[in-house]
């Protein structure tokens, strides 16, 4: 079955995750290598998404803007096992200076959105960015300079999963209602990792704390 935005409507049942999240998928990356690459100090495990949400809220309340909680588990996908890095109200998985090194030798796909509707989708292959765009404004890829143009067939894939790529005019206003769902579906089409409520609720996540200095880089 071809995955589309419809298959990710369940994300709206997880209100905190739907409002502000970051999800990263990297083929063959271990949890330990992920935490190390994100400059995280390991801080135990949590069982299921509900516990992760609670732990994330606790960290934000105790260390607002100073430390960020990340979590990771491994899942099956295309060509083997994939790491899932998940953040509630996070953004670290789309910071280039953190994720570009993690993508060397493999494929990495990540995306985030916050409560202000700021969002980003990244696709790396072996340390090289294949595409980067704002899911809320997907037609911006059409205006990319030649050196930054999306890979062949990528725009068609975006349309297949549910992005509305039609140009707005006086008679037509683009549909933004399924943007988050389409973003999760696009990540699955690139990785083969199928996220479900059951998976999130049963997963054991290894957590880590990332300091502000690592998140924002030198200086």
N, C-alpha and C. Protein backbone atom coordinates (compact mmCIF):
# COMPACT_ATOMS: atom_id res chain seq x y z
N UNK A 1 0.84 -1.20 0.00
CA UNK A 1 0.00 0.00 0.00
C UNK A 1 0.88 1.25 0.00
N UNK A 2 0.53 2.23 -0.82
CA UNK A 2 1.27 3.47 -0.90
C UNK A 2 0.87 4.39 0.25
N UNK A 3 1.83 4.80 1.04
CA UNK A 3 1.56 5.62 2.22
C UNK A 3 1.32 7.07 1.80
N UNK A 4 0.29 7.68 2.39
CA UNK A 4 -0.01 9.09 2.16
C UNK A 4 -0.32 9.76 3.49
N UNK A 5 -0.64 11.04 3.41
CA UNK A 5 -0.98 11.80 4.61
C UNK A 5 -2.13 11.17 5.39
N UNK A 6 -3.05 10.55 4.69
CA UNK A 6 -4.21 9.93 5.35
C UNK A 6 -3.76 8.92 6.41
N UNK A 7 -2.65 8.22 6.14
CA UNK A 7 -2.17 7.19 7.06
C UNK A 7 -1.58 7.77 8.34
N UNK A 8 -1.37 9.07 8.37
CA UNK A 8 -0.79 9.70 9.56
C UNK A 8 -1.75 10.66 10.25
N UNK A 9 -3.03 10.51 9.98
CA UNK A 9 -4.00 11.34 10.69
C UNK A 9 -4.02 11.06 12.19
N UNK A 10 -3.55 9.87 12.59
CA UNK A 10 -3.51 9.53 14.01
C UNK A 10 -2.63 10.48 14.81
N UNK A 11 -1.72 11.19 14.16
CA UNK A 11 -0.82 12.08 14.88
C UNK A 11 -1.60 13.14 15.65
N UNK A 12 -2.82 13.46 15.18
CA UNK A 12 -3.62 14.48 15.84
C UNK A 12 -4.18 14.01 17.18
N UNK A 13 -4.11 12.71 17.45
CA UNK A 13 -4.51 12.19 18.76
C UNK A 13 -3.43 12.42 19.81
N UNK A 14 -2.24 12.83 19.36
CA UNK A 14 -1.11 13.12 20.24
C UNK A 14 -0.87 14.62 20.18
N UNK A 15 -1.66 15.36 20.92
CA UNK A 15 -1.71 16.81 20.73
C UNK A 15 -0.36 17.49 20.92
N UNK A 16 0.40 17.09 21.94
CA UNK A 16 1.71 17.72 22.16
C UNK A 16 2.64 17.44 20.99
N UNK A 17 2.61 16.23 20.48
CA UNK A 17 3.47 15.86 19.37
C UNK A 17 3.05 16.57 18.09
N UNK A 18 1.75 16.68 17.87
CA UNK A 18 1.26 17.35 16.66
C UNK A 18 1.58 18.84 16.67
N UNK A 19 1.58 19.44 17.85
CA UNK A 19 1.81 20.88 17.95
C UNK A 19 3.28 21.26 17.81
N UNK A 20 4.17 20.44 18.36
CA UNK A 20 5.59 20.78 18.36
C UNK A 20 6.41 19.52 18.54
N UNK A 21 7.19 19.16 17.54
CA UNK A 21 7.94 17.90 17.57
C UNK A 21 9.17 18.01 16.68
N UNK A 22 10.05 17.04 16.82
CA UNK A 22 11.12 16.81 15.86
C UNK A 22 11.33 15.30 15.77
N UNK A 23 11.39 14.79 14.55
CA UNK A 23 11.60 13.36 14.32
C UNK A 23 12.76 13.19 13.34
N UNK A 24 13.68 12.31 13.70
CA UNK A 24 14.86 12.02 12.88
C UNK A 24 14.93 10.53 12.63
N UNK A 25 15.24 10.14 11.39
CA UNK A 25 15.43 8.74 11.03
C UNK A 25 16.77 8.60 10.32
N UNK A 26 17.59 7.66 10.79
CA UNK A 26 18.91 7.44 10.18
C UNK A 26 19.16 5.94 10.10
N UNK A 27 19.47 5.46 8.92
CA UNK A 27 19.67 4.02 8.71
C UNK A 27 20.99 3.56 9.32
N UNK A 28 20.90 2.49 10.14
CA UNK A 28 22.09 1.85 10.67
C UNK A 28 22.79 2.57 11.80
N UNK A 29 22.26 3.68 12.25
CA UNK A 29 22.87 4.43 13.34
C UNK A 29 22.46 3.84 14.68
N UNK A 30 23.41 3.65 15.57
CA UNK A 30 23.08 3.13 16.90
C UNK A 30 22.58 4.24 17.80
N UNK A 31 21.87 3.86 18.84
CA UNK A 31 21.40 4.83 19.82
C UNK A 31 22.59 5.55 20.45
N UNK A 32 23.64 4.81 20.76
CA UNK A 32 24.80 5.40 21.41
C UNK A 32 25.48 6.42 20.50
N UNK A 33 25.61 6.08 19.21
CA UNK A 33 26.23 7.01 18.28
C UNK A 33 25.37 8.25 18.08
N UNK A 34 24.06 8.08 18.10
CA UNK A 34 23.16 9.22 17.99
C UNK A 34 23.33 10.16 19.18
N UNK A 35 23.29 9.63 20.39
CA UNK A 35 23.45 10.47 21.57
C UNK A 35 24.81 11.17 21.56
N UNK A 36 25.84 10.43 21.17
CA UNK A 36 27.18 11.03 21.13
C UNK A 36 27.22 12.15 20.09
N UNK A 37 26.66 11.90 18.92
CA UNK A 37 26.68 12.90 17.87
C UNK A 37 25.88 14.14 18.20
N UNK A 38 24.86 13.98 19.04
CA UNK A 38 24.04 15.12 19.45
C UNK A 38 24.58 15.79 20.71
N UNK A 39 25.75 15.34 21.20
CA UNK A 39 26.39 15.89 22.40
C UNK A 39 25.50 15.75 23.63
N UNK A 40 24.80 14.62 23.70
CA UNK A 40 23.86 14.39 24.78
C UNK A 40 24.50 13.56 25.90
N UNK A 41 24.12 13.88 27.12
CA UNK A 41 24.48 13.07 28.28
C UNK A 41 23.34 12.09 28.53
N UNK A 42 23.60 10.77 28.46
CA UNK A 42 22.53 9.79 28.68
C UNK A 42 21.86 9.99 30.03
N UNK A 43 20.53 9.84 30.05
CA UNK A 43 19.82 10.04 31.33
C UNK A 43 18.68 9.03 31.48
N UNK A 44 18.96 7.77 31.13
CA UNK A 44 18.00 6.72 31.40
C UNK A 44 17.03 6.46 30.27
N UNK A 45 16.07 5.60 30.56
CA UNK A 45 15.08 5.20 29.56
C UNK A 45 13.68 5.56 30.03
N UNK A 46 12.78 5.63 29.05
CA UNK A 46 11.35 5.80 29.34
C UNK A 46 10.60 4.76 28.52
N UNK A 47 9.47 4.34 29.03
CA UNK A 47 8.68 3.32 28.35
C UNK A 47 7.42 3.94 27.76
N UNK A 48 7.41 4.06 26.42
CA UNK A 48 6.24 4.57 25.73
C UNK A 48 6.22 6.07 25.59
N UNK A 49 5.40 6.53 24.63
CA UNK A 49 5.37 7.95 24.32
C UNK A 49 4.86 8.80 25.48
N UNK A 50 3.86 8.33 26.22
CA UNK A 50 3.30 9.13 27.31
C UNK A 50 4.37 9.48 28.34
N UNK A 51 5.23 8.50 28.68
CA UNK A 51 6.31 8.77 29.63
C UNK A 51 7.33 9.75 29.05
N UNK A 52 7.58 9.63 27.74
CA UNK A 52 8.51 10.55 27.09
C UNK A 52 7.97 11.98 27.15
N UNK A 53 6.68 12.12 26.92
CA UNK A 53 6.08 13.45 26.98
C UNK A 53 6.19 14.04 28.38
N UNK A 54 5.94 13.22 29.39
CA UNK A 54 6.06 13.70 30.77
C UNK A 54 7.49 14.09 31.10
N UNK A 55 8.44 13.25 30.70
CA UNK A 55 9.85 13.55 30.99
C UNK A 55 10.28 14.83 30.27
N UNK A 56 9.81 15.01 29.06
CA UNK A 56 10.15 16.22 28.30
C UNK A 56 9.62 17.47 28.99
N UNK A 57 8.39 17.39 29.49
CA UNK A 57 7.80 18.52 30.21
C UNK A 57 8.58 18.83 31.47
N UNK A 58 9.02 17.79 32.18
CA UNK A 58 9.79 17.99 33.41
C UNK A 58 11.11 18.70 33.11
N UNK A 59 11.79 18.26 32.06
CA UNK A 59 13.08 18.86 31.71
C UNK A 59 12.88 20.32 31.31
N UNK A 60 11.87 20.60 30.54
CA UNK A 60 11.63 21.98 30.12
C UNK A 60 11.31 22.87 31.33
N UNK A 61 10.58 22.33 32.28
CA UNK A 61 10.22 23.10 33.47
C UNK A 61 11.44 23.33 34.37
N UNK A 62 12.31 22.33 34.45
CA UNK A 62 13.48 22.43 35.33
C UNK A 62 14.65 23.17 34.70
N UNK A 63 14.78 23.06 33.36
CA UNK A 63 15.94 23.66 32.67
C UNK A 63 15.48 24.42 31.43
N UNK A 64 14.61 25.41 31.57
CA UNK A 64 14.06 26.08 30.39
C UNK A 64 15.13 26.74 29.53
N UNK A 65 15.25 26.25 28.29
CA UNK A 65 16.19 26.83 27.36
C UNK A 65 17.64 26.51 27.62
N UNK A 66 17.93 25.75 28.65
CA UNK A 66 19.32 25.43 28.98
C UNK A 66 19.70 23.99 28.63
N UNK A 67 18.75 23.07 28.74
CA UNK A 67 18.97 21.68 28.35
C UNK A 67 17.73 21.18 27.60
N UNK A 68 17.99 20.30 26.63
CA UNK A 68 16.90 19.77 25.80
C UNK A 68 16.92 18.25 25.87
N UNK A 69 15.75 17.67 26.00
CA UNK A 69 15.65 16.21 26.07
C UNK A 69 15.47 15.63 24.67
N UNK A 70 16.30 14.65 24.35
CA UNK A 70 16.11 13.88 23.13
C UNK A 70 15.91 12.42 23.51
N UNK A 71 15.29 11.66 22.63
CA UNK A 71 15.02 10.25 22.91
C UNK A 71 15.24 9.45 21.63
N UNK A 72 15.61 8.19 21.79
CA UNK A 72 15.91 7.37 20.61
C UNK A 72 15.53 5.92 20.83
N UNK A 73 15.15 5.29 19.74
CA UNK A 73 14.91 3.85 19.72
C UNK A 73 15.24 3.37 18.31
N UNK A 74 15.21 2.08 18.08
CA UNK A 74 15.50 1.54 16.75
C UNK A 74 14.28 0.80 16.22
N UNK A 75 14.11 0.88 14.89
CA UNK A 75 12.94 0.33 14.22
C UNK A 75 13.34 -0.27 12.88
N UNK A 76 12.55 -1.21 12.35
CA UNK A 76 12.84 -1.75 11.02
C UNK A 76 12.42 -0.76 9.94
N UNK A 77 13.18 -0.76 8.85
CA UNK A 77 12.87 0.08 7.70
C UNK A 77 13.54 -0.47 6.47
N UNK A 78 13.69 0.35 5.43
CA UNK A 78 14.35 -0.09 4.21
C UNK A 78 15.80 -0.46 4.48
N UNK A 79 16.21 -1.62 4.00
CA UNK A 79 17.60 -2.07 4.06
C UNK A 79 18.13 -2.16 5.49
N UNK A 80 17.26 -2.57 6.42
CA UNK A 80 17.77 -2.83 7.76
C UNK A 80 17.13 -2.01 8.84
N UNK A 81 17.89 -1.84 9.92
CA UNK A 81 17.38 -1.16 11.11
C UNK A 81 17.65 0.34 11.01
N UNK A 82 16.70 1.11 11.50
CA UNK A 82 16.82 2.57 11.51
C UNK A 82 16.72 3.09 12.93
N UNK A 83 17.42 4.18 13.18
CA UNK A 83 17.27 4.88 14.44
C UNK A 83 16.18 5.93 14.31
N UNK A 84 15.30 5.98 15.30
CA UNK A 84 14.32 7.05 15.42
C UNK A 84 14.73 7.95 16.57
N UNK A 85 15.02 9.20 16.27
CA UNK A 85 15.26 10.20 17.29
C UNK A 85 14.01 11.05 17.40
N UNK A 86 13.45 11.16 18.60
CA UNK A 86 12.18 11.84 18.77
C UNK A 86 12.30 12.90 19.87
N UNK A 87 11.78 14.08 19.57
CA UNK A 87 11.77 15.17 20.53
C UNK A 87 10.36 15.74 20.63
N UNK A 88 9.89 15.91 21.85
CA UNK A 88 8.62 16.61 22.08
C UNK A 88 8.96 18.08 22.29
N UNK A 89 8.37 18.94 21.47
CA UNK A 89 8.68 20.38 21.51
C UNK A 89 10.18 20.59 21.30
N UNK A 90 10.72 19.91 20.27
CA UNK A 90 12.15 19.99 20.00
C UNK A 90 12.44 20.43 18.58
N UNK A 91 13.74 20.58 18.29
CA UNK A 91 14.18 21.05 16.98
C UNK A 91 15.58 20.57 16.63
N UNK A 92 16.26 19.89 17.55
CA UNK A 92 17.68 19.58 17.38
C UNK A 92 17.96 18.71 16.16
N UNK A 93 17.01 17.83 15.82
CA UNK A 93 17.24 16.91 14.72
C UNK A 93 17.25 17.54 13.35
N UNK A 94 17.04 18.86 13.29
CA UNK A 94 17.12 19.55 11.99
C UNK A 94 18.19 20.63 12.00
N UNK A 95 19.11 20.58 12.97
CA UNK A 95 20.22 21.53 12.99
C UNK A 95 21.37 20.95 12.17
N UNK A 96 21.74 21.58 11.06
CA UNK A 96 22.75 21.00 10.17
C UNK A 96 24.07 20.62 10.83
N UNK A 97 24.59 21.45 11.73
CA UNK A 97 25.91 21.13 12.29
C UNK A 97 25.86 19.90 13.20
N UNK A 98 24.66 19.51 13.63
CA UNK A 98 24.53 18.29 14.42
C UNK A 98 24.25 17.07 13.54
N UNK A 99 23.35 17.21 12.58
CA UNK A 99 22.90 16.02 11.84
C UNK A 99 23.73 15.69 10.61
N UNK A 100 24.40 16.67 10.04
CA UNK A 100 25.22 16.36 8.86
C UNK A 100 26.29 15.31 9.17
N UNK A 101 27.04 15.42 10.28
CA UNK A 101 28.00 14.36 10.59
C UNK A 101 27.35 13.00 10.81
N UNK A 102 26.15 12.99 11.40
CA UNK A 102 25.45 11.72 11.64
C UNK A 102 25.05 11.04 10.35
N UNK A 103 24.89 11.80 9.29
CA UNK A 103 24.43 11.23 8.01
C UNK A 103 25.55 10.64 7.17
N UNK A 104 26.79 10.83 7.58
CA UNK A 104 27.91 10.34 6.75
C UNK A 104 27.88 8.82 6.68
N UNK A 105 27.88 8.32 5.47
CA UNK A 105 27.84 6.89 5.24
C UNK A 105 26.45 6.29 5.24
N UNK A 106 25.42 7.12 5.33
CA UNK A 106 24.07 6.59 5.40
C UNK A 106 23.06 7.62 4.90
N UNK A 107 21.79 7.30 5.06
CA UNK A 107 20.69 8.23 4.74
C UNK A 107 20.08 8.73 6.05
N UNK A 108 19.79 10.00 6.10
CA UNK A 108 19.16 10.62 7.27
C UNK A 108 18.05 11.54 6.80
N UNK A 109 16.89 11.38 7.41
CA UNK A 109 15.73 12.21 7.10
C UNK A 109 15.20 12.76 8.42
N UNK A 110 14.97 14.07 8.50
CA UNK A 110 14.44 14.63 9.73
C UNK A 110 13.47 15.76 9.42
N UNK A 111 12.59 16.03 10.37
CA UNK A 111 11.62 17.11 10.17
C UNK A 111 11.13 17.59 11.53
N UNK A 112 10.75 18.88 11.57
CA UNK A 112 10.24 19.44 12.82
C UNK A 112 9.21 20.50 12.52
N UNK A 113 8.40 20.78 13.54
CA UNK A 113 7.45 21.89 13.49
C UNK A 113 7.26 22.38 14.91
N UNK A 114 7.09 23.71 15.08
CA UNK A 114 6.84 24.21 16.42
C UNK A 114 5.47 24.88 16.50
N UNK A 115 5.13 25.40 17.67
CA UNK A 115 3.79 25.95 17.89
C UNK A 115 3.54 27.20 17.08
N UNK A 116 4.60 27.82 16.57
CA UNK A 116 4.46 29.01 15.73
C UNK A 116 4.42 28.67 14.25
N UNK A 117 4.29 27.37 13.95
CA UNK A 117 4.23 26.87 12.57
C UNK A 117 5.54 27.08 11.80
N UNK A 118 6.63 27.27 12.53
CA UNK A 118 7.96 27.23 11.89
C UNK A 118 8.30 25.76 11.69
N UNK A 119 8.72 25.39 10.49
CA UNK A 119 8.98 23.98 10.23
C UNK A 119 10.13 23.79 9.25
N UNK A 120 10.62 22.55 9.17
CA UNK A 120 11.75 22.23 8.29
C UNK A 120 11.76 20.74 8.02
N UNK A 121 12.12 20.36 6.78
CA UNK A 121 12.31 18.97 6.39
C UNK A 121 13.69 18.87 5.75
N UNK A 122 14.49 17.89 6.20
CA UNK A 122 15.84 17.68 5.68
C UNK A 122 16.01 16.24 5.20
N UNK A 123 16.76 16.09 4.11
CA UNK A 123 17.14 14.77 3.62
C UNK A 123 18.62 14.81 3.27
N UNK A 124 19.41 13.98 3.98
CA UNK A 124 20.85 13.88 3.75
C UNK A 124 21.21 12.50 3.22
N UNK A 125 22.19 12.48 2.34
CA UNK A 125 22.80 11.24 1.87
C UNK A 125 24.31 11.36 2.04
N UNK A 126 24.87 10.52 2.91
CA UNK A 126 26.32 10.45 3.10
C UNK A 126 26.93 11.84 3.30
N UNK A 127 26.34 12.60 4.20
CA UNK A 127 26.90 13.90 4.54
C UNK A 127 26.54 15.04 3.61
N UNK A 128 25.78 14.74 2.56
CA UNK A 128 25.39 15.77 1.60
C UNK A 128 23.89 16.01 1.68
N UNK A 129 23.50 17.29 1.74
CA UNK A 129 22.07 17.62 1.78
C UNK A 129 21.45 17.41 0.40
N UNK A 130 20.45 16.54 0.34
CA UNK A 130 19.73 16.33 -0.92
C UNK A 130 18.61 17.33 -1.09
N UNK A 131 17.95 17.68 0.00
CA UNK A 131 16.91 18.70 -0.08
C UNK A 131 16.61 19.23 1.32
N UNK A 132 16.12 20.46 1.35
CA UNK A 132 15.71 21.12 2.59
C UNK A 132 14.60 22.10 2.23
N UNK A 133 13.47 21.99 2.95
CA UNK A 133 12.37 22.90 2.64
C UNK A 133 11.46 23.06 3.85
N UNK A 134 10.59 24.06 3.78
CA UNK A 134 9.59 24.29 4.80
C UNK A 134 8.30 23.59 4.36
N UNK A 135 7.85 22.58 5.08
CA UNK A 135 6.63 21.87 4.68
C UNK A 135 5.41 22.77 4.52
N UNK A 136 5.34 23.85 5.29
CA UNK A 136 4.21 24.75 5.16
C UNK A 136 4.24 25.53 3.84
N UNK A 137 5.41 25.63 3.24
CA UNK A 137 5.57 26.35 1.97
C UNK A 137 6.30 25.47 0.95
N UNK A 138 5.72 24.33 0.61
CA UNK A 138 6.44 23.35 -0.23
C UNK A 138 6.71 23.85 -1.64
N UNK A 139 5.90 24.78 -2.14
CA UNK A 139 6.12 25.24 -3.51
C UNK A 139 7.39 26.07 -3.62
N UNK A 140 7.98 26.45 -2.48
CA UNK A 140 9.23 27.18 -2.52
C UNK A 140 10.34 26.40 -3.19
N UNK A 141 10.23 25.07 -3.19
CA UNK A 141 11.24 24.25 -3.87
C UNK A 141 11.27 24.53 -5.37
N UNK A 142 10.14 24.96 -5.92
CA UNK A 142 10.10 25.27 -7.36
C UNK A 142 10.99 26.45 -7.71
N UNK A 143 11.25 27.29 -6.70
CA UNK A 143 12.04 28.50 -6.94
C UNK A 143 13.50 28.33 -6.57
N UNK A 144 13.91 27.12 -6.23
CA UNK A 144 15.29 26.87 -5.83
C UNK A 144 16.24 27.11 -7.00
N UNK A 145 17.44 27.67 -6.74
CA UNK A 145 18.44 27.79 -7.81
C UNK A 145 18.85 26.41 -8.29
N UNK A 146 19.38 26.30 -9.50
CA UNK A 146 19.72 24.98 -10.07
C UNK A 146 20.57 24.10 -9.16
N UNK A 147 21.54 24.69 -8.48
CA UNK A 147 22.43 23.89 -7.62
C UNK A 147 21.71 23.33 -6.40
N UNK A 148 20.57 23.93 -6.03
CA UNK A 148 19.82 23.50 -4.85
C UNK A 148 18.48 22.88 -5.20
N UNK A 149 18.29 22.56 -6.46
CA UNK A 149 17.00 22.02 -6.89
C UNK A 149 16.79 20.62 -6.30
N UNK A 150 15.54 20.24 -6.04
CA UNK A 150 15.27 18.92 -5.44
C UNK A 150 15.62 17.79 -6.40
N UNK A 151 15.89 16.60 -5.87
CA UNK A 151 16.22 15.46 -6.74
C UNK A 151 15.08 15.16 -7.71
N UNK A 152 15.43 14.53 -8.81
CA UNK A 152 14.43 14.17 -9.82
C UNK A 152 13.32 13.33 -9.17
N UNK A 153 12.09 13.70 -9.46
CA UNK A 153 10.95 12.95 -8.97
C UNK A 153 10.49 13.33 -7.58
N UNK A 154 11.25 14.21 -6.89
CA UNK A 154 10.91 14.52 -5.51
C UNK A 154 9.61 15.31 -5.40
N UNK A 155 9.41 16.27 -6.30
CA UNK A 155 8.17 17.05 -6.25
C UNK A 155 6.96 16.15 -6.50
N UNK A 156 7.11 15.19 -7.41
CA UNK A 156 6.02 14.26 -7.68
C UNK A 156 5.73 13.41 -6.44
N UNK A 157 6.79 13.00 -5.74
CA UNK A 157 6.61 12.23 -4.51
C UNK A 157 5.89 13.06 -3.45
N UNK A 158 6.25 14.32 -3.33
CA UNK A 158 5.59 15.19 -2.38
C UNK A 158 4.09 15.29 -2.68
N UNK A 159 3.78 15.42 -3.95
CA UNK A 159 2.37 15.52 -4.32
C UNK A 159 1.63 14.22 -4.03
N UNK A 160 2.30 13.09 -4.26
CA UNK A 160 1.69 11.79 -4.00
C UNK A 160 1.30 11.63 -2.54
N UNK A 161 2.17 12.08 -1.63
CA UNK A 161 1.88 11.86 -0.20
C UNK A 161 0.86 12.83 0.35
N UNK A 162 0.60 13.93 -0.36
CA UNK A 162 -0.46 14.82 0.10
C UNK A 162 -0.14 16.29 0.19
N UNK A 163 1.06 16.72 -0.22
CA UNK A 163 1.34 18.14 -0.24
C UNK A 163 0.56 18.80 -1.38
N UNK A 164 0.00 19.95 -1.10
CA UNK A 164 -0.72 20.71 -2.12
C UNK A 164 0.28 21.64 -2.80
N UNK A 165 0.67 21.30 -4.02
CA UNK A 165 1.71 22.05 -4.73
C UNK A 165 1.14 22.99 -5.79
N UNK A 166 -0.16 23.12 -5.82
CA UNK A 166 -0.76 24.03 -6.79
C UNK A 166 -0.48 25.47 -6.39
N UNK A 167 -0.30 26.32 -7.39
CA UNK A 167 -0.04 27.73 -7.12
C UNK A 167 -1.32 28.44 -6.73
N UNK A 168 -1.20 29.31 -5.75
CA UNK A 168 -2.35 30.08 -5.32
C UNK A 168 -2.64 31.20 -6.31
N UNK A 169 -3.90 31.53 -6.45
CA UNK A 169 -4.30 32.67 -7.27
C UNK A 169 -5.63 33.20 -6.72
N UNK A 170 -6.26 34.09 -7.45
CA UNK A 170 -7.50 34.70 -6.96
C UNK A 170 -8.62 33.70 -6.80
N UNK A 171 -8.50 32.55 -7.49
CA UNK A 171 -9.57 31.57 -7.45
C UNK A 171 -9.25 30.34 -6.61
N UNK A 172 -7.99 30.24 -6.17
CA UNK A 172 -7.59 29.03 -5.45
C UNK A 172 -6.68 29.38 -4.28
N UNK A 173 -6.98 28.81 -3.13
CA UNK A 173 -6.14 28.95 -1.94
C UNK A 173 -5.67 27.57 -1.52
N UNK A 174 -4.35 27.42 -1.34
CA UNK A 174 -3.79 26.10 -1.04
C UNK A 174 -4.32 25.56 0.27
N UNK A 175 -4.38 24.22 0.36
CA UNK A 175 -4.88 23.51 1.53
C UNK A 175 -3.70 23.15 2.44
N UNK A 176 -3.69 23.71 3.65
CA UNK A 176 -2.62 23.45 4.62
C UNK A 176 -3.03 22.42 5.68
N UNK A 177 -4.23 21.89 5.59
CA UNK A 177 -4.79 21.12 6.70
C UNK A 177 -4.07 19.81 6.97
N UNK A 178 -3.34 19.26 5.98
CA UNK A 178 -2.69 17.96 6.18
C UNK A 178 -1.17 18.06 6.07
N UNK A 179 -0.62 19.23 6.37
CA UNK A 179 0.81 19.43 6.19
C UNK A 179 1.65 18.49 7.07
N UNK A 180 1.34 18.42 8.35
CA UNK A 180 2.12 17.55 9.25
C UNK A 180 1.99 16.10 8.85
N UNK A 181 0.78 15.68 8.54
CA UNK A 181 0.56 14.29 8.12
C UNK A 181 1.34 13.96 6.85
N UNK A 182 1.34 14.88 5.90
CA UNK A 182 2.08 14.66 4.66
C UNK A 182 3.58 14.61 4.92
N UNK A 183 4.06 15.39 5.88
CA UNK A 183 5.48 15.39 6.21
C UNK A 183 5.91 14.05 6.78
N UNK A 184 5.12 13.48 7.69
CA UNK A 184 5.43 12.15 8.22
C UNK A 184 5.37 11.09 7.12
N UNK A 185 4.40 11.21 6.22
CA UNK A 185 4.29 10.24 5.13
C UNK A 185 5.48 10.33 4.19
N UNK A 186 5.95 11.54 3.91
CA UNK A 186 7.12 11.72 3.05
C UNK A 186 8.35 11.08 3.68
N UNK A 187 8.52 11.26 4.99
CA UNK A 187 9.65 10.63 5.69
C UNK A 187 9.58 9.11 5.57
N UNK A 188 8.39 8.55 5.67
CA UNK A 188 8.27 7.10 5.53
C UNK A 188 8.61 6.64 4.12
N UNK A 189 8.20 7.40 3.11
CA UNK A 189 8.49 7.01 1.73
C UNK A 189 9.99 7.01 1.45
N UNK A 190 10.74 7.81 2.19
CA UNK A 190 12.19 7.89 1.99
C UNK A 190 12.97 6.90 2.84
N UNK A 191 12.31 6.32 3.86
CA UNK A 191 13.03 5.46 4.80
C UNK A 191 12.43 4.06 4.94
N UNK A 192 11.15 3.91 4.65
CA UNK A 192 10.48 2.64 4.87
C UNK A 192 10.10 2.41 6.32
N UNK A 193 10.30 3.41 7.18
CA UNK A 193 9.96 3.28 8.60
C UNK A 193 8.51 3.71 8.79
N UNK A 194 7.68 2.79 9.20
CA UNK A 194 6.25 3.04 9.36
C UNK A 194 5.94 3.30 10.83
N UNK A 195 5.66 4.54 11.16
CA UNK A 195 5.34 4.89 12.54
C UNK A 195 3.84 4.70 12.79
N UNK A 196 3.52 4.14 13.95
CA UNK A 196 2.13 3.91 14.33
C UNK A 196 1.95 4.29 15.80
N UNK A 197 0.71 4.53 16.23
CA UNK A 197 0.48 4.79 17.66
C UNK A 197 0.95 3.63 18.53
N UNK A 198 0.71 2.41 18.09
CA UNK A 198 1.11 1.23 18.86
C UNK A 198 2.62 1.18 19.05
N UNK A 199 3.34 1.52 18.01
CA UNK A 199 4.79 1.52 18.08
C UNK A 199 5.28 2.54 19.10
N UNK A 200 4.76 3.76 19.03
CA UNK A 200 5.19 4.80 19.95
C UNK A 200 4.83 4.46 21.40
N UNK A 201 3.66 3.87 21.57
CA UNK A 201 3.19 3.58 22.93
C UNK A 201 3.96 2.43 23.58
N UNK A 202 4.52 1.53 22.77
CA UNK A 202 5.21 0.37 23.31
C UNK A 202 6.74 0.48 23.29
N UNK A 203 7.25 1.49 22.61
CA UNK A 203 8.70 1.61 22.45
C UNK A 203 9.39 1.96 23.76
N UNK A 204 10.60 1.46 23.92
CA UNK A 204 11.48 1.89 25.00
C UNK A 204 12.46 2.89 24.42
N UNK A 205 12.44 4.11 24.93
CA UNK A 205 13.29 5.18 24.43
C UNK A 205 14.46 5.41 25.38
N UNK A 206 15.65 5.48 24.82
CA UNK A 206 16.82 5.91 25.57
C UNK A 206 16.89 7.43 25.47
N UNK A 207 17.03 8.11 26.59
CA UNK A 207 16.99 9.57 26.59
C UNK A 207 18.36 10.17 26.87
N UNK A 208 18.49 11.43 26.49
CA UNK A 208 19.72 12.17 26.74
C UNK A 208 19.43 13.65 26.85
N UNK A 209 20.31 14.36 27.56
CA UNK A 209 20.17 15.81 27.72
C UNK A 209 21.24 16.51 26.90
N UNK A 210 20.79 17.43 26.05
CA UNK A 210 21.69 18.19 25.19
C UNK A 210 21.78 19.62 25.73
N UNK A 211 22.99 20.11 25.99
CA UNK A 211 23.13 21.47 26.53
C UNK A 211 22.89 22.53 25.45
N UNK A 212 22.51 23.69 25.90
CA UNK A 212 22.25 24.81 25.01
C UNK A 212 23.45 25.07 24.09
N UNK A 213 24.65 24.97 24.62
CA UNK A 213 25.85 25.27 23.84
C UNK A 213 25.98 24.37 22.62
N UNK A 214 25.63 23.07 22.77
CA UNK A 214 25.72 22.14 21.65
C UNK A 214 24.63 22.41 20.63
N UNK A 215 23.45 22.78 21.10
CA UNK A 215 22.33 23.02 20.20
C UNK A 215 22.57 24.22 19.31
N UNK A 216 23.25 25.22 19.83
CA UNK A 216 23.40 26.48 19.07
C UNK A 216 24.80 26.66 18.50
N UNK A 217 25.66 25.70 18.72
CA UNK A 217 26.96 25.74 18.06
C UNK A 217 27.94 26.70 18.68
N UNK A 218 29.15 26.78 18.06
CA UNK A 218 30.18 27.66 18.59
C UNK A 218 29.74 29.12 18.60
N UNK A 219 30.13 29.82 19.61
CA UNK A 219 29.85 31.25 19.69
C UNK A 219 28.44 31.55 20.10
